[in-house]
Amino acid sequence: MFIVPEKKSWTLIISGAPTPAEKYDESQDLVKIPMDLGELPQAELEFTSYFAHTAPNQCNLRLDLGKARAWIVFKHKQKSEAA
């Protein structure tokens, strides 16, 4: 997993690289997901990442750095039943 933080947008990258110690290789990207971006009321002195349960069957991955918070919503999808 890689994060590309930019001034107005952040991107979450899921890589298919076989080992995490390898240098980032864009050709190994499985998916690039734009993240929502907002401003915190107080600056975080260190980079922080955590999951927050926000609703039934839903959580957010939140990333805080300075006054920036980037997040992405994960929702559990029920398998549709065959008729």
N, C-alpha and C. Protein backbone atom coordinates (compact mmCIF):
# COMPACT_ATOMS: atom_id res chain seq x y z
N MET A 1 0.85 -1.16 0.00
CA MET A 1 0.00 0.00 0.00
C MET A 1 0.90 1.23 0.00
N PHE A 2 0.56 2.18 -0.84
CA PHE A 2 1.30 3.43 -0.93
C PHE A 2 0.31 4.58 -0.89
N ILE A 3 0.75 5.72 -0.39
CA ILE A 3 -0.06 6.93 -0.36
C ILE A 3 0.70 8.01 -1.12
N VAL A 4 0.00 8.71 -2.00
CA VAL A 4 0.59 9.85 -2.70
C VAL A 4 -0.13 11.10 -2.20
N PRO A 5 0.50 11.83 -1.25
CA PRO A 5 -0.13 13.05 -0.74
C PRO A 5 0.25 14.25 -1.61
N GLU A 6 -0.77 14.96 -2.04
CA GLU A 6 -0.54 16.18 -2.80
C GLU A 6 -1.32 17.29 -2.11
N LYS A 7 -1.09 18.52 -2.50
CA LYS A 7 -1.69 19.66 -1.82
C LYS A 7 -3.22 19.60 -1.83
N LYS A 8 -3.83 19.24 -2.95
CA LYS A 8 -5.30 19.28 -3.05
C LYS A 8 -5.94 17.90 -3.17
N SER A 9 -5.15 16.84 -3.23
CA SER A 9 -5.72 15.49 -3.32
C SER A 9 -4.69 14.46 -2.89
N TRP A 10 -5.19 13.37 -2.33
CA TRP A 10 -4.33 12.24 -1.96
C TRP A 10 -4.83 11.02 -2.71
N THR A 11 -3.92 10.10 -2.99
CA THR A 11 -4.28 8.87 -3.70
C THR A 11 -3.77 7.67 -2.91
N LEU A 12 -4.65 6.69 -2.71
CA LEU A 12 -4.29 5.42 -2.11
C LEU A 12 -3.97 4.46 -3.24
N ILE A 13 -2.80 3.83 -3.18
CA ILE A 13 -2.39 2.88 -4.21
C ILE A 13 -2.23 1.51 -3.57
N ILE A 14 -2.90 0.52 -4.12
CA ILE A 14 -2.73 -0.86 -3.70
C ILE A 14 -1.83 -1.52 -4.74
N SER A 15 -0.71 -2.01 -4.27
CA SER A 15 0.30 -2.58 -5.16
C SER A 15 0.27 -4.10 -5.08
N GLY A 16 0.57 -4.73 -6.18
CA GLY A 16 0.67 -6.18 -6.21
C GLY A 16 2.11 -6.65 -6.10
N ALA A 17 3.01 -5.74 -5.70
CA ALA A 17 4.43 -6.11 -5.56
C ALA A 17 4.55 -7.27 -4.57
N PRO A 18 5.38 -8.25 -4.88
CA PRO A 18 5.45 -9.45 -4.05
C PRO A 18 5.97 -9.23 -2.64
N THR A 19 6.80 -8.22 -2.42
CA THR A 19 7.30 -7.97 -1.07
C THR A 19 7.22 -6.49 -0.76
N PRO A 20 6.91 -6.12 0.48
CA PRO A 20 6.79 -4.71 0.82
C PRO A 20 8.12 -3.96 0.82
N ALA A 21 9.23 -4.67 0.86
CA ALA A 21 10.54 -4.01 0.90
C ALA A 21 10.98 -3.50 -0.47
N GLU A 22 10.29 -3.93 -1.50
CA GLU A 22 10.68 -3.50 -2.84
C GLU A 22 10.40 -2.02 -3.06
N LYS A 23 11.18 -1.41 -3.91
CA LYS A 23 10.96 -0.02 -4.29
C LYS A 23 9.64 0.08 -5.06
N TYR A 24 8.95 1.21 -4.90
CA TYR A 24 7.67 1.40 -5.59
C TYR A 24 7.84 1.25 -7.09
N ASP A 25 6.96 0.47 -7.69
CA ASP A 25 6.97 0.21 -9.13
C ASP A 25 5.55 0.38 -9.64
N GLU A 26 5.30 1.45 -10.36
CA GLU A 26 3.96 1.77 -10.85
C GLU A 26 3.35 0.63 -11.67
N SER A 27 4.16 -0.14 -12.35
CA SER A 27 3.63 -1.24 -13.17
C SER A 27 3.00 -2.33 -12.31
N GLN A 28 3.28 -2.34 -10.99
CA GLN A 28 2.70 -3.33 -10.07
C GLN A 28 1.38 -2.87 -9.45
N ASP A 29 0.92 -1.65 -9.78
CA ASP A 29 -0.31 -1.12 -9.19
C ASP A 29 -1.51 -1.98 -9.56
N LEU A 30 -2.29 -2.35 -8.54
CA LEU A 30 -3.54 -3.05 -8.78
C LEU A 30 -4.69 -2.05 -8.90
N VAL A 31 -4.64 -1.00 -8.07
CA VAL A 31 -5.68 0.02 -8.11
C VAL A 31 -5.16 1.32 -7.51
N LYS A 32 -5.63 2.43 -8.04
CA LYS A 32 -5.36 3.77 -7.50
C LYS A 32 -6.71 4.37 -7.15
N ILE A 33 -6.85 4.79 -5.89
CA ILE A 33 -8.14 5.28 -5.41
C ILE A 33 -7.96 6.71 -4.90
N PRO A 34 -8.68 7.68 -5.49
CA PRO A 34 -8.62 9.03 -4.96
C PRO A 34 -9.27 9.06 -3.57
N MET A 35 -8.67 9.80 -2.66
CA MET A 35 -9.17 9.89 -1.31
C MET A 35 -9.84 11.25 -1.10
N ASP A 36 -10.85 11.29 -0.20
CA ASP A 36 -11.43 12.56 0.21
C ASP A 36 -10.40 13.28 1.07
N LEU A 37 -10.43 14.60 1.07
CA LEU A 37 -9.44 15.38 1.80
C LEU A 37 -10.13 16.50 2.54
N GLY A 38 -9.75 16.68 3.80
CA GLY A 38 -10.30 17.75 4.62
C GLY A 38 -9.22 18.32 5.51
N GLU A 39 -9.63 19.29 6.36
CA GLU A 39 -8.68 19.96 7.24
C GLU A 39 -9.05 19.69 8.69
N LEU A 40 -8.05 19.37 9.48
CA LEU A 40 -8.23 19.14 10.91
C LEU A 40 -8.22 20.47 11.66
N PRO A 41 -8.92 20.55 12.79
CA PRO A 41 -8.90 21.80 13.56
C PRO A 41 -7.53 22.08 14.19
N GLN A 42 -6.79 21.01 14.53
CA GLN A 42 -5.46 21.15 15.08
C GLN A 42 -4.51 20.24 14.32
N ALA A 43 -3.30 20.69 14.13
CA ALA A 43 -2.32 19.91 13.38
C ALA A 43 -1.88 18.67 14.16
N GLU A 44 -1.73 17.57 13.45
CA GLU A 44 -1.15 16.35 14.00
C GLU A 44 0.36 16.43 13.78
N LEU A 45 1.13 16.23 14.84
CA LEU A 45 2.58 16.37 14.74
C LEU A 45 3.22 15.20 14.02
N GLU A 46 2.58 14.02 14.08
CA GLU A 46 3.11 12.83 13.42
C GLU A 46 2.05 12.25 12.49
N PHE A 47 2.51 11.55 11.47
CA PHE A 47 1.59 10.85 10.57
C PHE A 47 0.82 9.80 11.36
N THR A 48 -0.49 9.78 11.20
CA THR A 48 -1.34 8.83 11.91
C THR A 48 -2.27 8.16 10.91
N SER A 49 -2.42 6.85 11.02
CA SER A 49 -3.38 6.13 10.18
C SER A 49 -4.19 5.21 11.06
N TYR A 50 -5.49 5.15 10.80
CA TYR A 50 -6.37 4.29 11.59
C TYR A 50 -7.68 4.05 10.85
N PHE A 51 -8.37 3.00 11.28
CA PHE A 51 -9.71 2.72 10.77
C PHE A 51 -10.71 3.23 11.78
N ALA A 52 -11.80 3.82 11.30
CA ALA A 52 -12.86 4.31 12.16
C ALA A 52 -14.18 3.68 11.72
N HIS A 53 -14.89 3.04 12.65
CA HIS A 53 -16.20 2.48 12.36
C HIS A 53 -17.18 3.64 12.32
N THR A 54 -17.78 3.90 11.17
CA THR A 54 -18.61 5.10 11.00
C THR A 54 -20.09 4.81 10.84
N ALA A 55 -20.46 3.59 10.53
CA ALA A 55 -21.87 3.22 10.34
C ALA A 55 -21.93 1.69 10.27
N PRO A 56 -23.14 1.12 10.37
CA PRO A 56 -23.23 -0.34 10.21
C PRO A 56 -22.64 -0.75 8.85
N ASN A 57 -21.80 -1.77 8.87
CA ASN A 57 -21.18 -2.30 7.66
C ASN A 57 -20.31 -1.30 6.92
N GLN A 58 -19.75 -0.31 7.67
CA GLN A 58 -18.93 0.71 7.01
C GLN A 58 -17.82 1.18 7.95
N CYS A 59 -16.64 1.40 7.37
CA CYS A 59 -15.55 2.02 8.13
C CYS A 59 -14.76 2.92 7.19
N ASN A 60 -13.98 3.79 7.78
CA ASN A 60 -13.12 4.69 7.02
C ASN A 60 -11.68 4.39 7.36
N LEU A 61 -10.80 4.45 6.38
CA LEU A 61 -9.37 4.50 6.61
C LEU A 61 -9.05 5.98 6.65
N ARG A 62 -8.53 6.45 7.78
CA ARG A 62 -8.21 7.86 7.94
C ARG A 62 -6.70 8.04 8.07
N LEU A 63 -6.19 9.04 7.36
CA LEU A 63 -4.76 9.35 7.38
C LEU A 63 -4.62 10.83 7.74
N ASP A 64 -3.92 11.11 8.83
CA ASP A 64 -3.74 12.49 9.28
C ASP A 64 -2.27 12.87 9.21
N LEU A 65 -2.01 14.07 8.70
CA LEU A 65 -0.65 14.60 8.64
C LEU A 65 -0.75 16.12 8.65
N GLY A 66 -0.14 16.75 9.63
CA GLY A 66 -0.28 18.20 9.75
C GLY A 66 -1.75 18.52 9.99
N LYS A 67 -2.28 19.46 9.23
CA LYS A 67 -3.70 19.79 9.35
C LYS A 67 -4.56 19.04 8.32
N ALA A 68 -3.94 18.15 7.56
CA ALA A 68 -4.67 17.42 6.51
C ALA A 68 -5.18 16.08 7.03
N ARG A 69 -6.41 15.75 6.66
CA ARG A 69 -6.96 14.41 6.88
C ARG A 69 -7.48 13.91 5.54
N ALA A 70 -6.97 12.76 5.14
CA ALA A 70 -7.48 12.09 3.94
C ALA A 70 -8.19 10.83 4.41
N TRP A 71 -9.27 10.45 3.72
CA TRP A 71 -9.98 9.25 4.11
C TRP A 71 -10.64 8.60 2.90
N ILE A 72 -10.92 7.33 3.10
CA ILE A 72 -11.63 6.55 2.09
C ILE A 72 -12.61 5.67 2.83
N VAL A 73 -13.79 5.52 2.27
CA VAL A 73 -14.86 4.75 2.90
C VAL A 73 -14.85 3.32 2.36
N PHE A 74 -14.92 2.36 3.28
CA PHE A 74 -15.06 0.95 2.93
C PHE A 74 -16.43 0.50 3.39
N LYS A 75 -17.19 -0.12 2.49
CA LYS A 75 -18.53 -0.62 2.82
C LYS A 75 -18.59 -2.12 2.57
N HIS A 76 -19.22 -2.82 3.48
CA HIS A 76 -19.44 -4.25 3.31
C HIS A 76 -20.63 -4.43 2.38
N LYS A 77 -20.46 -5.18 1.34
CA LYS A 77 -21.55 -5.46 0.40
C LYS A 77 -22.03 -6.88 0.60
N GLN A 78 -23.32 -7.02 0.74
CA GLN A 78 -23.92 -8.34 0.89
C GLN A 78 -23.92 -9.02 -0.48
N LYS A 79 -23.66 -10.32 -0.48
CA LYS A 79 -23.78 -11.09 -1.72
C LYS A 79 -25.25 -11.18 -2.07
N SER A 80 -25.55 -10.95 -3.32
CA SER A 80 -26.95 -11.06 -3.73
C SER A 80 -27.33 -12.54 -3.80
N GLU A 81 -28.55 -12.81 -3.37
CA GLU A 81 -29.01 -14.20 -3.37
C GLU A 81 -29.55 -14.55 -4.75
N ALA A 82 -29.24 -15.74 -5.20
CA ALA A 82 -29.74 -16.21 -6.49
C ALA A 82 -31.23 -16.51 -6.38
N ALA A 83 -31.97 -16.22 -7.42
CA ALA A 83 -33.43 -16.42 -7.41
C ALA A 83 -33.77 -17.87 -7.63
